[in-house]
Every structure is written in C-alpha cells, then in structure tokens.
C-alpha cells in the first residue's frame, strides 16, 4: 500500500510539472532524467 502511495505521488508531480513547465515533458528532458537514473543506480 505504501508503494502505491509513492507511485501516485510521482504520477501527480509529473502531471503537475508537465502542465505548468513548458520544457518538462520533452523527449530531451526525459532522456536526461533516464541518464541520471542510470548513473545514480
């Protein structure tokens, strides 16, 4: 149940920034995020 809450929070934050920041939901930014995830794990 706790993991579902974390996932829901992540989805809501992503949705919020996608709607309010013009450059958040771009392929280039998604690539940068995935690279950072790969480096940090």
PDB file of N, CA and C in Angstrom:
ATOM      1  N   UNK A   1       0.821  -1.191   0.000  1.00  0.00           N
ATOM      2  CA  UNK A   1       0.000   0.000   0.000  1.00  0.00           C
ATOM      3  C   UNK A   1       0.867   1.258   0.000  1.00  0.00           C
ATOM      4  N   UNK A   2       1.973   1.207   0.731  1.00  0.00           N
ATOM      5  CA  UNK A   2       2.853   2.372   0.791  1.00  0.00           C
ATOM      6  C   UNK A   2       3.480   2.647  -0.572  1.00  0.00           C
ATOM      7  N   UNK A   3       3.860   1.582  -1.289  1.00  0.00           N
ATOM      8  CA  UNK A   3       4.448   1.758  -2.620  1.00  0.00           C
ATOM      9  C   UNK A   3       3.454   2.383  -3.588  1.00  0.00           C
ATOM     10  N   UNK A   4       2.189   2.046  -3.449  1.00  0.00           N
ATOM     11  CA  UNK A   4       1.168   2.627  -4.315  1.00  0.00           C
ATOM     12  C   UNK A   4       1.043   4.123  -4.061  1.00  0.00           C
ATOM     13  N   UNK A   5       1.180   4.537  -2.819  1.00  0.00           N
ATOM     14  CA  UNK A   5       1.122   5.957  -2.487  1.00  0.00           C
ATOM     15  C   UNK A   5       2.290   6.724  -3.074  1.00  0.00           C
ATOM     16  N   UNK A   6       3.466   6.130  -3.040  1.00  0.00           N
ATOM     17  CA  UNK A   6       4.653   6.768  -3.617  1.00  0.00           C
ATOM     18  C   UNK A   6       4.494   6.884  -5.129  1.00  0.00           C
ATOM     19  N   UNK A   7       4.005   5.838  -5.757  1.00  0.00           N
ATOM     20  CA  UNK A   7       3.785   5.861  -7.205  1.00  0.00           C
ATOM     21  C   UNK A   7       2.747   6.917  -7.579  1.00  0.00           C
ATOM     22  N   UNK A   8       1.678   7.004  -6.821  1.00  0.00           N
ATOM     23  CA  UNK A   8       0.649   8.008  -7.076  1.00  0.00           C
ATOM     24  C   UNK A   8       1.222   9.417  -6.938  1.00  0.00           C
ATOM     25  N   UNK A   9       2.031   9.643  -5.916  1.00  0.00           N
ATOM     26  CA  UNK A   9       2.656  10.954  -5.727  1.00  0.00           C
ATOM     27  C   UNK A   9       3.561  11.290  -6.911  1.00  0.00           C
ATOM     28  N   UNK A  10       4.332  10.318  -7.388  1.00  0.00           N
ATOM     29  CA  UNK A  10       5.209  10.542  -8.538  1.00  0.00           C
ATOM     30  C   UNK A  10       4.407  10.907  -9.781  1.00  0.00           C
ATOM     31  N   UNK A  11       3.320  10.203 -10.005  1.00  0.00           N
ATOM     32  CA  UNK A  11       2.468  10.485 -11.166  1.00  0.00           C
ATOM     33  C   UNK A  11       1.871  11.884 -11.059  1.00  0.00           C
ATOM     34  N   UNK A  12       1.399  12.263  -9.883  1.00  0.00           N
ATOM     35  CA  UNK A  12       0.805  13.588  -9.705  1.00  0.00           C
ATOM     36  C   UNK A  12       1.829  14.701  -9.887  1.00  0.00           C
ATOM     37  N   UNK A  13       3.027  14.514  -9.354  1.00  0.00           N
ATOM     38  CA  UNK A  13       4.079  15.519  -9.520  1.00  0.00           C
ATOM     39  C   UNK A  13       4.462  15.653 -10.994  1.00  0.00           C
ATOM     40  N   UNK A  14       4.590  14.513 -11.680  1.00  0.00           N
ATOM     41  CA  UNK A  14       4.923  14.540 -13.105  1.00  0.00           C
ATOM     42  C   UNK A  14       3.839  15.242 -13.903  1.00  0.00           C
ATOM     43  N   UNK A  15       2.595  14.954 -13.609  1.00  0.00           N
ATOM     44  CA  UNK A  15       1.478  15.598 -14.294  1.00  0.00           C
ATOM     45  C   UNK A  15       1.478  17.097 -14.046  1.00  0.00           C
ATOM     46  N   UNK A  16       1.706  17.501 -12.802  1.00  0.00           N
ATOM     47  CA  UNK A  16       1.736  18.923 -12.455  1.00  0.00           C
ATOM     48  C   UNK A  16       2.809  19.658 -13.254  1.00  0.00           C
ATOM     49  N   UNK A  17       4.029  19.124 -13.254  1.00  0.00           N
ATOM     50  CA  UNK A  17       5.108  19.799 -13.964  1.00  0.00           C
ATOM     51  C   UNK A  17       4.925  19.742 -15.477  1.00  0.00           C
ATOM     52  N   UNK A  18       4.296  18.704 -15.982  1.00  0.00           N
ATOM     53  CA  UNK A  18       4.031  18.617 -17.418  1.00  0.00           C
ATOM     54  C   UNK A  18       3.078  19.716 -17.864  1.00  0.00           C
ATOM     55  N   UNK A  19       2.144  20.060 -17.002  1.00  0.00           N
ATOM     56  CA  UNK A  19       1.160  21.083 -17.348  1.00  0.00           C
ATOM     57  C   UNK A  19       1.665  22.499 -17.097  1.00  0.00           C
ATOM     58  N   UNK A  20       2.560  22.682 -16.143  1.00  0.00           N
ATOM     59  CA  UNK A  20       2.972  24.036 -15.769  1.00  0.00           C
ATOM     60  C   UNK A  20       4.315  24.464 -16.345  1.00  0.00           C
ATOM     61  N   UNK A  21       5.201  23.540 -16.649  1.00  0.00           N
ATOM     62  CA  UNK A  21       6.524  23.892 -17.177  1.00  0.00           C
ATOM     63  C   UNK A  21       6.596  23.491 -18.649  1.00  0.00           C
ATOM     64  N   UNK A  22       6.840  24.432 -19.544  1.00  0.00           N
ATOM     65  CA  UNK A  22       6.782  24.125 -20.977  1.00  0.00           C
ATOM     66  C   UNK A  22       7.853  23.151 -21.467  1.00  0.00           C
ATOM     67  N   UNK A  23       8.979  23.061 -20.789  1.00  0.00           N
ATOM     68  CA  UNK A  23      10.055  22.194 -21.271  1.00  0.00           C
ATOM     69  C   UNK A  23      10.211  20.919 -20.456  1.00  0.00           C
ATOM     70  N   UNK A  24       9.285  20.638 -19.553  1.00  0.00           N
ATOM     71  CA  UNK A  24       9.412  19.448 -18.711  1.00  0.00           C
ATOM     72  C   UNK A  24       9.114  18.177 -19.487  1.00  0.00           C
ATOM     73  N   UNK A  25       8.024  18.160 -20.229  1.00  0.00           N
ATOM     74  CA  UNK A  25       7.586  16.940 -20.924  1.00  0.00           C
ATOM     75  C   UNK A  25       8.110  16.909 -22.358  1.00  0.00           C
ATOM     76  N   UNK A  26       9.433  16.969 -22.499  1.00  0.00           N
ATOM     77  CA  UNK A  26      10.046  16.886 -23.824  1.00  0.00           C
ATOM     78  C   UNK A  26      10.908  15.629 -23.895  1.00  0.00           C
ATOM     79  N   UNK A  27      11.099  15.095 -25.091  1.00  0.00           N
ATOM     80  CA  UNK A  27      11.944  13.898 -25.213  1.00  0.00           C
ATOM     81  C   UNK A  27      13.367  14.122 -24.697  1.00  0.00           C
ATOM     82  N   UNK A  28      13.915  15.304 -24.930  1.00  0.00           N
ATOM     83  CA  UNK A  28      15.267  15.588 -24.458  1.00  0.00           C
ATOM     84  C   UNK A  28      15.367  15.567 -22.945  1.00  0.00           C
ATOM     85  N   UNK A  29      14.373  16.121 -22.281  1.00  0.00           N
ATOM     86  CA  UNK A  29      14.378  16.123 -20.819  1.00  0.00           C
ATOM     87  C   UNK A  29      14.171  14.713 -20.279  1.00  0.00           C
ATOM     88  N   UNK A  30      13.304  13.945 -20.904  1.00  0.00           N
ATOM     89  CA  UNK A  30      13.087  12.562 -20.466  1.00  0.00           C
ATOM     90  C   UNK A  30      14.384  11.763 -20.581  1.00  0.00           C
ATOM     91  N   UNK A  31      15.133  11.978 -21.658  1.00  0.00           N
ATOM     92  CA  UNK A  31      16.412  11.291 -21.829  1.00  0.00           C
ATOM     93  C   UNK A  31      17.387  11.672 -20.716  1.00  0.00           C
ATOM     94  N   UNK A  32      17.437  12.953 -20.377  1.00  0.00           N
ATOM     95  CA  UNK A  32      18.325  13.408 -19.299  1.00  0.00           C
ATOM     96  C   UNK A  32      17.937  12.774 -17.965  1.00  0.00           C
ATOM     97  N   UNK A  33      16.643  12.663 -17.708  1.00  0.00           N
ATOM     98  CA  UNK A  33      16.174  12.049 -16.463  1.00  0.00           C
ATOM     99  C   UNK A  33      16.577  10.578 -16.418  1.00  0.00           C
ATOM    100  N   UNK A  34      16.397   9.855 -17.529  1.00  0.00           N
ATOM    101  CA  UNK A  34      16.757   8.439 -17.558  1.00  0.00           C
ATOM    102  C   UNK A  34      18.260   8.230 -17.414  1.00  0.00           C
ATOM    103  N   UNK A  35      19.059   9.129 -17.982  1.00  0.00           N
ATOM    104  CA  UNK A  35      20.516   9.034 -17.827  1.00  0.00           C
ATOM    105  C   UNK A  35      20.889   9.236 -16.365  1.00  0.00           C
ATOM    106  N   UNK A  36      20.274  10.202 -15.698  1.00  0.00           N
ATOM    107  CA  UNK A  36      20.562  10.441 -14.284  1.00  0.00           C
ATOM    108  C   UNK A  36      20.159   9.240 -13.427  1.00  0.00           C
ATOM    109  N   UNK A  37      19.034   8.627 -13.759  1.00  0.00           N
ATOM    110  CA  UNK A  37      18.607   7.435 -13.020  1.00  0.00           C
ATOM    111  C   UNK A  37      19.622   6.316 -13.207  1.00  0.00           C
ATOM    112  N   UNK A  38      20.104   6.144 -14.432  1.00  0.00           N
ATOM    113  CA  UNK A  38      21.072   5.082 -14.714  1.00  0.00           C
ATOM    114  C   UNK A  38      22.397   5.329 -13.993  1.00  0.00           C
ATOM    115  N   UNK A  39      22.815   6.577 -13.918  1.00  0.00           N
ATOM    116  CA  UNK A  39      24.078   6.901 -13.257  1.00  0.00           C
ATOM    117  C   UNK A  39      23.963   6.714 -11.748  1.00  0.00           C
ATOM    118  N   UNK A  40      22.828   7.069 -11.175  1.00  0.00           N
ATOM    119  CA  UNK A  40      22.657   7.044  -9.723  1.00  0.00           C
ATOM    120  C   UNK A  40      22.293   5.679  -9.168  1.00  0.00           C
ATOM    121  N   UNK A  41      22.016   4.707 -10.024  1.00  0.00           N
ATOM    122  CA  UNK A  41      21.657   3.385  -9.503  1.00  0.00           C
ATOM    123  C   UNK A  41      22.748   2.385  -9.746  1.00  0.00           C
TER     124      UNK A  41
END
